[in-house]
Amino acid sequence: MGITKTDYFTDQQMLISKITKALGHPARIAIIEYLLKVNTCICSDIVEELPLAQSTISQHLKELKNAGLIKGSIEGSSICYCIDENTFRFMKSYFGDIILSVNDQKCC
């Protein structure tokens, strides 16, 4: 079996790509902001907050969860969602290092 193009990239590069792709939709940004505000919630809370159908919200939650940005736990017949702190710590470190590097660079 041959090498794929993704094999040329580091695990960190692949993870950052997956995370930023998941953040590439304004509804997902709104969901993250809502979860930060309320700390934890169930899907129906988000449906009441955003002007989107429940099925659409569920799809966005799935994408955020697959990227590791949120986590969920089953509570009765509902899933309770919250921010995955580890992923956001990783992003803070990664993007913080980039910002510091940009500040030190001289442009052409």
C-alpha atoms as a PDB file:
ATOM      1  CA  MET A   1       0.000   0.000   0.000  1.00  0.00           C
ATOM      2  CA  GLY A   2       1.370   3.434  -0.959  1.00  0.00           C
ATOM      3  CA  ILE A   3       1.862   6.490   1.178  1.00  0.00           C
ATOM      4  CA  THR A   4      -0.989   9.009   1.289  1.00  0.00           C
ATOM      5  CA  LYS A   5      -0.466  12.755   1.209  1.00  0.00           C
ATOM      6  CA  THR A   6      -1.596  13.052   4.823  1.00  0.00           C
ATOM      7  CA  ASP A   7       1.372  10.885   5.828  1.00  0.00           C
ATOM      8  CA  TYR A   8       3.608  13.886   5.077  1.00  0.00           C
ATOM      9  CA  PHE A   9       2.055  15.878   7.927  1.00  0.00           C
ATOM     10  CA  THR A  10       2.624  15.527  11.657  1.00  0.00           C
ATOM     11  CA  ASP A  11      -0.032  14.301  14.050  1.00  0.00           C
ATOM     12  CA  GLN A  12      -0.182  17.812  15.493  1.00  0.00           C
ATOM     13  CA  GLN A  13      -0.775  19.334  12.055  1.00  0.00           C
ATOM     14  CA  MET A  14      -3.540  16.825  11.390  1.00  0.00           C
ATOM     15  CA  LEU A  15      -5.163  17.559  14.760  1.00  0.00           C
ATOM     16  CA  ILE A  16      -5.045  21.340  14.289  1.00  0.00           C
ATOM     17  CA  SER A  17      -6.557  20.870  10.831  1.00  0.00           C
ATOM     18  CA  LYS A  18      -9.392  18.747  12.238  1.00  0.00           C
ATOM     19  CA  ILE A  19     -10.103  21.258  15.026  1.00  0.00           C
ATOM     20  CA  THR A  20     -10.056  24.334  12.815  1.00  0.00           C
ATOM     21  CA  LYS A  21     -12.227  22.626  10.212  1.00  0.00           C
ATOM     22  CA  ALA A  22     -14.809  21.916  12.917  1.00  0.00           C
ATOM     23  CA  LEU A  23     -14.680  25.579  13.931  1.00  0.00           C
ATOM     24  CA  GLY A  24     -15.221  26.657  10.325  1.00  0.00           C
ATOM     25  CA  HIS A  25     -18.990  27.138  10.667  1.00  0.00           C
ATOM     26  CA  PRO A  26     -20.626  30.039  12.510  1.00  0.00           C
ATOM     27  CA  ALA A  27     -23.227  27.758  14.116  1.00  0.00           C
ATOM     28  CA  ARG A  28     -20.448  25.740  15.719  1.00  0.00           C
ATOM     29  CA  ILE A  29     -18.803  28.908  17.014  1.00  0.00           C
ATOM     30  CA  ALA A  30     -22.182  29.922  18.473  1.00  0.00           C
ATOM     31  CA  ILE A  31     -22.514  26.505  20.134  1.00  0.00           C
ATOM     32  CA  ILE A  32     -19.029  26.799  21.669  1.00  0.00           C
ATOM     33  CA  GLU A  33     -19.815  30.306  22.924  1.00  0.00           C
ATOM     34  CA  TYR A  34     -23.101  29.104  24.408  1.00  0.00           C
ATOM     35  CA  LEU A  35     -21.426  26.173  26.158  1.00  0.00           C
ATOM     36  CA  LEU A  36     -18.800  28.518  27.583  1.00  0.00           C
ATOM     37  CA  LYS A  37     -21.561  30.763  28.907  1.00  0.00           C
ATOM     38  CA  VAL A  38     -23.704  28.049  30.518  1.00  0.00           C
ATOM     39  CA  ASN A  39     -20.886  25.568  31.293  1.00  0.00           C
ATOM     40  CA  THR A  40     -23.024  22.497  30.442  1.00  0.00           C
ATOM     41  CA  CYS A  41     -26.319  21.834  28.678  1.00  0.00           C
ATOM     42  CA  ILE A  42     -28.438  19.360  26.777  1.00  0.00           C
ATOM     43  CA  CYS A  43     -29.127  19.554  23.062  1.00  0.00           C
ATOM     44  CA  SER A  44     -32.616  20.988  23.560  1.00  0.00           C
ATOM     45  CA  ASP A  45     -31.092  23.983  25.397  1.00  0.00           C
ATOM     46  CA  ILE A  46     -29.028  24.800  22.323  1.00  0.00           C
ATOM     47  CA  VAL A  47     -32.062  24.349  20.049  1.00  0.00           C
ATOM     48  CA  GLU A  48     -33.882  26.987  22.110  1.00  0.00           C
ATOM     49  CA  GLU A  49     -30.871  29.318  21.887  1.00  0.00           C
ATOM     50  CA  LEU A  50     -30.075  29.082  18.152  1.00  0.00           C
ATOM     51  CA  PRO A  51     -32.408  29.519  15.167  1.00  0.00           C
ATOM     52  CA  LEU A  52     -31.654  26.039  13.819  1.00  0.00           C
ATOM     53  CA  ALA A  53     -33.554  22.760  13.689  1.00  0.00           C
ATOM     54  CA  GLN A  54     -32.782  20.097  16.275  1.00  0.00           C
ATOM     55  CA  SER A  55     -31.361  17.789  13.604  1.00  0.00           C
ATOM     56  CA  THR A  56     -29.023  20.540  12.386  1.00  0.00           C
ATOM     57  CA  ILE A  57     -27.857  21.256  15.936  1.00  0.00           C
ATOM     58  CA  SER A  58     -27.245  17.536  16.462  1.00  0.00           C
ATOM     59  CA  GLN A  59     -25.085  17.375  13.327  1.00  0.00           C
ATOM     60  CA  HIS A  60     -23.015  20.369  14.478  1.00  0.00           C
ATOM     61  CA  LEU A  61     -22.623  18.819  17.939  1.00  0.00           C
ATOM     62  CA  LYS A  62     -21.424  15.609  16.299  1.00  0.00           C
ATOM     63  CA  GLU A  63     -18.761  17.514  14.332  1.00  0.00           C
ATOM     64  CA  LEU A  64     -17.602  19.387  17.439  1.00  0.00           C
ATOM     65  CA  LYS A  65     -17.449  16.161  19.424  1.00  0.00           C
ATOM     66  CA  ASN A  66     -15.556  14.312  16.667  1.00  0.00           C
ATOM     67  CA  ALA A  67     -12.974  17.114  16.668  1.00  0.00           C
ATOM     68  CA  GLY A  68     -12.600  16.808  20.435  1.00  0.00           C
ATOM     69  CA  LEU A  69     -13.887  20.310  21.129  1.00  0.00           C
ATOM     70  CA  ILE A  70     -16.804  19.153  23.256  1.00  0.00           C
ATOM     71  CA  LYS A  71     -17.669  16.063  25.227  1.00  0.00           C
ATOM     72  CA  GLY A  72     -20.985  14.591  26.186  1.00  0.00           C
ATOM     73  CA  SER A  73     -22.393  12.383  28.886  1.00  0.00           C
ATOM     74  CA  ILE A  74     -25.708  10.585  28.939  1.00  0.00           C
ATOM     75  CA  GLU A  75     -28.147  11.815  31.572  1.00  0.00           C
ATOM     76  CA  GLY A  76     -31.365   9.849  31.374  1.00  0.00           C
ATOM     77  CA  SER A  77     -32.658  10.143  27.815  1.00  0.00           C
ATOM     78  CA  SER A  78     -30.559  13.240  27.050  1.00  0.00           C
ATOM     79  CA  ILE A  79     -26.930  13.928  26.309  1.00  0.00           C
ATOM     80  CA  CYS A  80     -25.357  16.697  28.367  1.00  0.00           C
ATOM     81  CA  TYR A  81     -22.605  18.588  26.487  1.00  0.00           C
ATOM     82  CA  CYS A  82     -19.687  20.647  27.763  1.00  0.00           C
ATOM     83  CA  ILE A  83     -16.380  22.038  26.530  1.00  0.00           C
ATOM     84  CA  ASP A  84     -13.428  19.628  26.414  1.00  0.00           C
ATOM     85  CA  GLU A  85     -10.887  21.594  28.438  1.00  0.00           C
ATOM     86  CA  ASN A  86      -7.903  19.549  27.242  1.00  0.00           C
ATOM     87  CA  THR A  87      -8.472  20.442  23.599  1.00  0.00           C
ATOM     88  CA  PHE A  88      -8.801  24.126  24.401  1.00  0.00           C
ATOM     89  CA  ARG A  89      -5.618  24.045  26.511  1.00  0.00           C
ATOM     90  CA  PHE A  90      -3.829  22.474  23.542  1.00  0.00           C
ATOM     91  CA  MET A  91      -5.209  25.147  21.186  1.00  0.00           C
ATOM     92  CA  LYS A  92      -4.213  27.931  23.590  1.00  0.00           C
ATOM     93  CA  SER A  93      -0.659  26.631  23.690  1.00  0.00           C
ATOM     94  CA  TYR A  94      -0.452  26.062  19.928  1.00  0.00           C
ATOM     95  CA  PHE A  95      -1.900  29.410  18.873  1.00  0.00           C
ATOM     96  CA  GLY A  96      -0.116  31.229  21.704  1.00  0.00           C
ATOM     97  CA  ASP A  97       3.207  29.977  20.324  1.00  0.00           C
ATOM     98  CA  ILE A  98       2.231  31.162  16.842  1.00  0.00           C
ATOM     99  CA  ILE A  99       1.278  34.613  18.129  1.00  0.00           C
ATOM    100  CA  LEU A 100       4.590  34.936  19.968  1.00  0.00           C
ATOM    101  CA  SER A 101       6.454  33.854  16.820  1.00  0.00           C
ATOM    102  CA  VAL A 102       4.620  36.394  14.676  1.00  0.00           C
ATOM    103  CA  ASN A 103       5.501  39.174  17.102  1.00  0.00           C
ATOM    104  CA  ASP A 104       9.196  38.317  16.757  1.00  0.00           C
ATOM    105  CA  GLN A 105       9.283  38.122  12.968  1.00  0.00           C
ATOM    106  CA  LYS A 106      10.276  40.882  10.618  1.00  0.00           C
ATOM    107  CA  CYS A 107       8.367  41.079   7.365  1.00  0.00           C
ATOM    108  CA  CYS A 108       9.804  41.834   3.934  1.00  0.00           C
END
